[in-house]
Amino acid sequence: MPKVLVTDGIQQAGLDVLTQREDLEIDRCWNRPSEDDLINRAANADAILVGTTSITGRIIEAARKLKVVSRRGVGYDNIDLAALRRHKIPLTIVGSANASTVAEHTLCFILALAKQTIAYDRATRAGDWRFRESLFARDLLGKTLLLLGFGRVGRAVAVRAAAFDMRVLVYDPLVSEEVITGFRAEPVVDLLHGLAICDFLSVHVPLTAQTAGLIGRQELAAMRPSAFIISTARGGVVDEDCLVNALTEGLIRGAGLDVFNEEPPPPNHRLFGLNNVILSPHSAALTEECAQRMDTVAAINCLDAIDGRLDPTVIVPND
C-alpha cells in the first residue's frame, strides 16, 4: 500500500483528497518532527507532503521508495533540491494556487505605504486631526512599479497594478519581452536603471545562489529617496542589513516585508524599531481560501506521482 508522509498540518480540503483513497496509508507527522524521526518515517514513504519542515539530504537518502516531494507552496529553500536531483526524485509546487493571494498582499503593502495607513491611524487615535493637512499620502496613479521577477505572482501583481493606472516595469532576464508586454508591462534590461526610476520595487524571485543579496547597498543607493520596497518572496533576496541602513539613512522612504532572513525574526530585530516599515509574519499566502487551494493541489500532486501521471507544469525544473 502506498504511503504519504505529511510533515505539517494540512487543511481538511487537502486531507480529504488523500483520505478518499482507500489504498493509501497516511502518516501524519505534524508536531515539529526531528530529522531522525523523519528519517525513520520516510524509509517506506512513496510521497512526502511538506510545508515549512526541512527535508534534508539525510531524509531523502533514507526514503528509498520516494516518488515525489510535494511542497504546499511555491518556495522550496527548506528542501535539499540537490539531493532530490541526485536520486531523480521530482519536487512539485502548487503552481498558481497562491498567486492571486500573494498578489493581493503585495497590493495591500503598496496601498498602505502610499496612503501611509498606519501613520494616519496612529494620528487619529492620538487626537491629531490636523495630521490630515500633512499631505503625507501619495497617489498610485502614474507611479512606476518595478517587478523583480515575472513568474505567476509577478504577473498577477502586474494585472492588479494596471488597474490603478500604474506604470509597470519588469526585470526578469528569464522572461521574453513578448510575454512581458503581453501584460501591459515594460521590460527593463538594466536593473540599476529600473531602480533609479521606480516609485515602488516589488520582489518576486525565489531565494537561490543567484538571487541572494540581489538587492544590496548599491541597488538601494540607486533608488529614489521617495521610493518603497515590498518583498513577499523570500528573505535574503533583499540584504536586510543594507535595507535597515537605507531606511534609517533616508535612501528610501519605506518598506513592506512579509519575509525575513531568520523566521521568526529575533524580538530585538532592527526593523521592529522603524516607523517606516510595515511587516507581516510570512503570511502573504495564508488566507483560508488559499490554504485550502494549496493543500488540495499538493495532495493531488502526491497521488499523481504515485499513479505515474504527474503534471509536468508543477515540477520544479532541474536547471
Protein backbone atom coordinates (compact mmCIF):
# COMPACT_ATOMS: atom_id res chain seq x y z
CA MET A 1 0.00 0.00 0.00
CA PRO A 2 1.47 3.41 -0.98
CA LYS A 3 2.30 5.76 1.87
CA VAL A 4 2.15 9.57 2.03
CA LEU A 5 4.13 11.21 4.82
CA VAL A 6 2.56 14.55 5.78
CA THR A 7 5.09 16.60 7.74
CA ASP A 8 3.00 19.67 8.56
CA GLY A 9 -0.62 20.44 9.36
CA ILE A 10 -2.93 20.27 6.37
CA GLN A 11 -6.31 21.81 5.64
CA GLN A 12 -9.31 19.49 5.57
CA ALA A 13 -9.71 20.01 1.82
CA GLY A 14 -6.25 18.57 1.21
CA LEU A 15 -6.74 15.78 3.72
CA ASP A 16 -9.98 14.83 2.00
CA VAL A 17 -8.11 14.32 -1.27
CA LEU A 18 -5.86 11.79 0.45
CA THR A 19 -8.44 10.01 2.62
CA GLN A 20 -10.76 9.33 -0.32
CA ARG A 21 -8.21 6.80 -1.49
CA GLU A 22 -8.75 3.52 0.35
CA ASP A 23 -5.47 2.08 -0.96
CA LEU A 24 -3.35 4.75 0.75
CA GLU A 25 -1.58 4.96 4.09
CA ILE A 26 -1.33 8.46 5.53
CA ASP A 27 1.38 9.11 8.12
CA ARG A 28 0.66 12.41 9.86
CA CYS A 29 3.76 13.84 11.48
CA TRP A 30 2.66 17.32 12.45
CA ASN A 31 4.36 18.15 15.74
CA ARG A 32 7.70 19.62 14.65
CA PRO A 33 9.35 16.26 13.95
CA SER A 34 13.08 15.85 14.34
CA GLU A 35 15.31 14.89 11.44
CA ASP A 36 15.84 11.42 12.92
CA ASP A 37 12.10 10.91 13.30
CA LEU A 38 11.53 11.89 9.67
CA ILE A 39 14.33 9.59 8.53
CA ASN A 40 12.56 6.67 10.17
CA ARG A 41 9.13 7.63 8.84
CA ALA A 42 10.36 8.37 5.30
CA ALA A 43 12.04 4.98 4.89
CA ASN A 44 8.93 3.45 3.32
CA ALA A 45 7.19 6.62 2.07
CA ASP A 46 6.15 6.97 -1.57
CA ALA A 47 5.43 10.69 -1.21
CA ILE A 48 6.26 13.46 1.25
CA LEU A 49 3.81 16.35 1.54
CA VAL A 50 5.69 19.18 3.22
CA GLY A 51 5.08 22.74 4.36
CA THR A 52 7.91 24.51 6.17
CA THR A 53 9.61 21.45 7.69
CA SER A 54 13.17 20.95 6.47
CA ILE A 55 13.61 17.96 4.17
CA THR A 56 17.32 17.30 4.35
CA GLY A 57 19.62 15.17 2.26
CA ARG A 58 19.69 12.54 5.01
CA ILE A 59 15.91 12.22 4.89
CA ILE A 60 15.94 11.89 1.12
CA GLU A 61 18.72 9.31 1.23
CA ALA A 62 16.65 7.21 3.62
CA ALA A 63 13.50 7.36 1.51
CA ARG A 64 14.25 4.51 -0.89
CA LYS A 65 10.68 4.29 -2.27
CA LEU A 66 10.19 8.04 -2.67
CA LYS A 67 8.46 9.16 -5.86
CA VAL A 68 7.86 12.83 -5.08
CA VAL A 69 8.28 15.62 -2.54
CA SER A 70 5.19 17.81 -2.77
CA ARG A 71 5.60 21.32 -1.38
CA ARG A 72 2.41 23.07 -0.23
CA GLY A 73 3.60 26.42 -1.54
CA VAL A 74 5.90 27.71 -4.25
CA GLY A 75 9.16 28.31 -2.38
CA TYR A 76 11.41 25.37 -1.64
CA ASP A 77 14.51 26.65 0.16
CA ASN A 78 13.67 24.27 3.04
CA ILE A 79 14.24 21.26 0.79
CA ASP A 80 17.56 19.78 -0.33
CA LEU A 81 16.93 20.07 -4.05
CA ALA A 82 20.38 18.80 -4.96
CA ALA A 83 19.73 15.54 -3.09
CA LEU A 84 16.42 15.10 -4.88
CA ARG A 85 18.10 15.62 -8.23
CA ARG A 86 20.82 13.08 -7.43
CA HIS A 87 18.10 10.49 -6.89
CA LYS A 88 15.94 11.76 -9.78
CA ILE A 89 13.02 12.47 -7.47
CA PRO A 90 10.72 15.31 -8.61
CA LEU A 91 9.85 18.25 -6.41
CA THR A 92 6.41 19.73 -7.03
CA ILE A 93 4.91 23.07 -6.05
CA VAL A 94 1.34 24.35 -6.14
CA GLY A 95 1.60 26.37 -9.36
CA SER A 96 -0.79 29.30 -9.47
CA ALA A 97 -2.81 28.26 -6.40
CA ASN A 98 -1.42 31.11 -4.28
CA ALA A 99 -0.57 33.68 -6.97
CA SER A 100 -3.67 35.85 -6.59
CA THR A 101 -3.48 35.79 -2.79
CA VAL A 102 0.18 36.84 -2.64
CA ALA A 103 -0.50 39.48 -5.29
CA GLU A 104 -3.31 40.89 -3.13
CA HIS A 105 -0.97 41.05 -0.14
CA THR A 106 1.58 42.86 -2.29
CA LEU A 107 -1.03 45.43 -3.33
CA CYS A 108 -2.06 45.75 0.31
CA PHE A 109 1.53 46.77 1.14
CA ILE A 110 1.70 49.15 -1.83
CA LEU A 111 -1.55 50.87 -0.87
CA ALA A 112 -0.74 51.02 2.85
CA LEU A 113 2.66 52.56 2.13
CA ALA A 114 1.38 55.02 -0.44
CA LYS A 115 -1.54 56.11 1.74
CA GLN A 116 0.52 55.89 4.96
CA THR A 117 -2.34 53.96 6.55
CA ILE A 118 -0.59 53.22 9.84
CA ALA A 119 0.58 56.80 10.36
CA TYR A 120 -2.89 58.21 9.70
CA ASP A 121 -4.47 55.63 12.02
CA ARG A 122 -1.96 56.46 14.76
CA ALA A 123 -2.60 60.20 14.42
CA THR A 124 -6.37 59.77 14.50
CA ARG A 125 -6.23 57.68 17.69
CA ALA A 126 -3.95 60.30 19.28
CA GLY A 127 -6.41 63.09 18.50
CA ASP A 128 -4.08 64.70 15.97
CA TRP A 129 -6.80 65.65 13.49
CA ARG A 130 -4.56 68.20 11.78
CA PHE A 131 -2.35 65.37 10.57
CA ARG A 132 -4.71 65.24 7.60
CA GLU A 133 -3.11 68.51 6.42
CA SER A 134 0.35 66.93 6.20
CA LEU A 135 -0.35 65.59 2.68
CA PHE A 136 1.82 62.65 3.69
CA ALA A 137 -0.12 60.22 1.49
CA ARG A 138 0.55 59.66 -2.20
CA ASP A 139 -1.49 58.59 -5.24
CA LEU A 140 -0.76 55.39 -7.16
CA LEU A 141 -1.97 57.00 -10.39
CA GLY A 142 1.00 57.42 -12.71
CA LYS A 143 3.51 55.93 -10.28
CA THR A 144 6.09 53.43 -11.53
CA LEU A 145 6.21 49.90 -10.15
CA LEU A 146 9.27 47.73 -10.86
CA LEU A 147 8.68 44.00 -10.56
CA LEU A 148 11.79 41.97 -9.80
CA GLY A 149 10.77 38.59 -11.21
CA PHE A 150 7.85 37.87 -13.50
CA GLY A 151 6.54 34.45 -12.63
CA ARG A 152 2.97 33.68 -11.61
CA VAL A 153 2.86 36.13 -8.69
CA GLY A 154 4.66 38.91 -10.52
CA ARG A 155 2.20 38.65 -13.40
CA ALA A 156 -0.76 38.73 -11.03
CA VAL A 157 0.65 41.87 -9.42
CA ALA A 158 1.11 43.48 -12.84
CA VAL A 159 -2.56 42.96 -13.69
CA ARG A 160 -3.70 44.49 -10.40
CA ALA A 161 -1.27 47.41 -10.57
CA ALA A 162 -2.51 48.24 -14.07
CA ALA A 163 -5.99 48.64 -12.60
CA PHE A 164 -4.58 51.54 -10.54
CA ASP A 165 -3.09 53.08 -13.70
CA MET A 166 0.45 52.44 -12.54
CA ARG A 167 3.32 52.14 -14.98
CA VAL A 168 4.67 48.59 -14.61
CA LEU A 169 8.30 47.73 -15.35
CA VAL A 170 9.71 44.20 -15.23
CA TYR A 171 13.25 42.99 -14.65
CA ASP A 172 13.48 39.27 -15.37
CA PRO A 173 16.16 38.04 -17.79
CA LEU A 174 14.43 34.65 -17.98
CA VAL A 175 11.16 36.00 -19.41
CA SER A 176 10.77 37.14 -23.00
CA GLU A 177 9.89 40.69 -23.97
CA GLU A 178 6.80 39.36 -25.72
CA VAL A 179 5.43 37.83 -22.52
CA ILE A 180 6.13 40.99 -20.52
CA THR A 181 4.49 43.35 -22.99
CA GLY A 182 1.52 41.00 -23.15
CA PHE A 183 0.78 42.06 -19.57
CA ARG A 184 0.92 45.78 -20.45
CA ALA A 185 4.32 45.99 -18.80
CA GLU A 186 7.71 47.22 -20.00
CA PRO A 187 10.87 45.08 -19.89
CA VAL A 188 13.94 46.51 -18.17
CA VAL A 189 17.36 45.26 -19.25
CA ASP A 190 19.43 47.18 -16.69
CA LEU A 191 18.31 46.60 -13.09
CA LEU A 192 20.03 49.73 -11.77
CA HIS A 193 18.25 51.84 -14.38
CA GLY A 194 14.90 50.39 -13.35
CA LEU A 195 15.65 51.03 -9.69
CA ALA A 196 16.56 54.63 -10.41
CA ILE A 197 13.18 55.45 -11.96
CA CYS A 198 10.74 53.35 -9.93
CA ASP A 199 8.50 54.55 -7.11
CA PHE A 200 7.91 51.00 -5.86
CA LEU A 201 10.09 47.91 -6.11
CA SER A 202 8.30 44.59 -5.55
CA VAL A 203 10.36 41.40 -5.21
CA HIS A 204 9.04 38.16 -6.72
CA VAL A 205 12.02 35.82 -7.20
CA PRO A 206 12.93 32.66 -5.28
CA LEU A 207 15.93 32.59 -2.96
CA THR A 208 18.79 30.92 -4.84
CA ALA A 209 22.55 31.30 -5.02
CA GLN A 210 21.96 33.75 -7.86
CA THR A 211 19.33 35.90 -6.11
CA ALA A 212 20.74 36.00 -2.56
CA GLY A 213 21.58 39.62 -1.75
CA LEU A 214 20.42 40.73 -5.19
CA ILE A 215 19.15 43.98 -3.67
CA GLY A 216 22.06 45.29 -1.65
CA ARG A 217 23.78 48.57 -0.87
CA GLN A 218 24.46 49.55 -4.48
CA GLU A 219 20.93 48.77 -5.61
CA LEU A 220 19.33 50.60 -2.69
CA ALA A 221 21.54 53.63 -3.28
CA ALA A 222 20.32 53.75 -6.88
CA MET A 223 16.70 54.23 -5.77
CA ARG A 224 14.88 57.49 -5.18
CA PRO A 225 14.56 58.76 -1.58
CA SER A 226 10.78 58.70 -2.14
CA ALA A 227 10.71 55.04 -3.23
CA PHE A 228 9.37 52.00 -1.38
CA ILE A 229 10.42 48.33 -1.36
CA ILE A 230 7.98 45.43 -1.00
CA SER A 231 9.00 41.80 -0.61
CA THR A 232 6.56 38.90 -0.41
CA ALA A 233 9.08 36.46 -1.89
CA ARG A 234 11.86 35.12 0.35
CA GLY A 235 14.11 36.62 2.98
CA GLY A 236 17.68 37.06 1.80
CA VAL A 237 16.93 38.40 -1.66
CA VAL A 238 16.98 41.87 -0.12
CA ASP A 239 20.02 42.30 2.11
CA GLU A 240 18.40 43.04 5.49
CA ASP A 241 21.31 44.97 6.98
CA CYS A 242 21.60 47.15 3.90
CA LEU A 243 17.84 47.68 3.90
CA VAL A 244 17.79 48.81 7.54
CA ASN A 245 20.61 51.23 6.82
CA ALA A 246 18.84 52.57 3.74
CA LEU A 247 15.64 53.10 5.72
CA THR A 248 17.39 54.88 8.59
CA GLU A 249 19.62 56.97 6.32
CA GLY A 250 16.74 58.11 4.11
CA LEU A 251 17.97 56.39 0.96
CA ILE A 252 14.40 55.09 0.51
CA ARG A 253 11.14 56.13 2.12
CA GLY A 254 9.79 52.84 3.42
CA ALA A 255 9.26 49.12 3.03
CA GLY A 256 6.64 46.39 3.32
CA LEU A 257 8.09 43.00 4.25
CA ASP A 258 6.47 39.61 4.62
CA VAL A 259 9.75 37.65 4.70
CA PHE A 260 12.95 37.72 6.74
CA ASN A 261 16.40 36.13 6.83
CA GLU A 262 15.50 34.37 10.07
CA GLU A 263 11.90 33.33 10.66
CA PRO A 264 10.58 34.19 13.08
CA PRO A 265 12.94 37.16 13.44
CA PRO A 266 14.51 37.84 16.85
CA PRO A 267 12.50 40.15 19.14
CA ASN A 268 15.24 42.79 19.01
CA HIS A 269 15.37 42.92 15.20
CA ARG A 270 16.37 46.39 13.98
CA LEU A 271 13.39 46.56 11.64
CA PHE A 272 11.00 46.49 14.60
CA GLY A 273 12.17 49.92 15.73
CA LEU A 274 11.42 51.64 12.42
CA ASN A 275 8.18 53.54 11.79
CA ASN A 276 8.56 53.49 8.00
CA VAL A 277 8.20 49.71 7.72
CA ILE A 278 5.09 47.52 7.56
CA LEU A 279 5.64 43.87 8.50
CA SER A 280 3.73 40.60 8.34
CA PRO A 281 4.78 37.10 9.51
CA HIS A 282 5.37 35.38 6.14
CA SER A 283 1.62 35.20 5.78
CA ALA A 284 1.04 36.59 2.28
CA ALA A 285 -0.39 33.27 1.07
CA LEU A 286 -2.11 32.30 4.30
CA THR A 287 -5.77 33.05 3.81
CA GLU A 288 -8.39 30.40 4.45
CA GLU A 289 -9.20 30.08 0.77
CA CYS A 290 -5.60 29.96 -0.41
CA ALA A 291 -4.55 27.42 2.22
CA GLN A 292 -7.30 25.11 1.02
CA ARG A 293 -6.25 25.53 -2.61
CA MET A 294 -2.57 24.92 -1.87
CA ASP A 295 -3.19 21.83 0.23
CA THR A 296 -5.57 20.40 -2.34
CA VAL A 297 -3.05 20.83 -5.15
CA ALA A 298 -0.21 19.48 -3.01
CA ALA A 299 -2.25 16.38 -2.14
CA ILE A 300 -3.20 15.83 -5.79
CA ASN A 301 0.47 16.08 -6.74
CA CYS A 302 1.27 13.27 -4.28
CA LEU A 303 -1.40 11.00 -5.74
CA ASP A 304 -0.47 11.83 -9.33
CA ALA A 305 3.16 10.93 -8.68
CA ILE A 306 2.16 7.64 -7.08
CA ASP A 307 -0.10 6.91 -10.05
CA GLY A 308 2.58 7.84 -12.58
CA ARG A 309 0.72 10.79 -14.13
CA LEU A 310 2.40 13.83 -12.60
CA ASP A 311 1.63 17.16 -14.30
CA PRO A 312 4.98 18.46 -15.64
CA THR A 313 3.92 22.09 -15.13
CA VAL A 314 4.07 21.72 -11.31
CA ILE A 315 7.53 20.13 -11.27
CA VAL A 316 10.45 22.34 -10.27
CA PRO A 317 12.88 22.38 -13.24
CA ASN A 318 16.24 20.64 -12.94
CA ASP A 319 18.29 23.58 -14.19
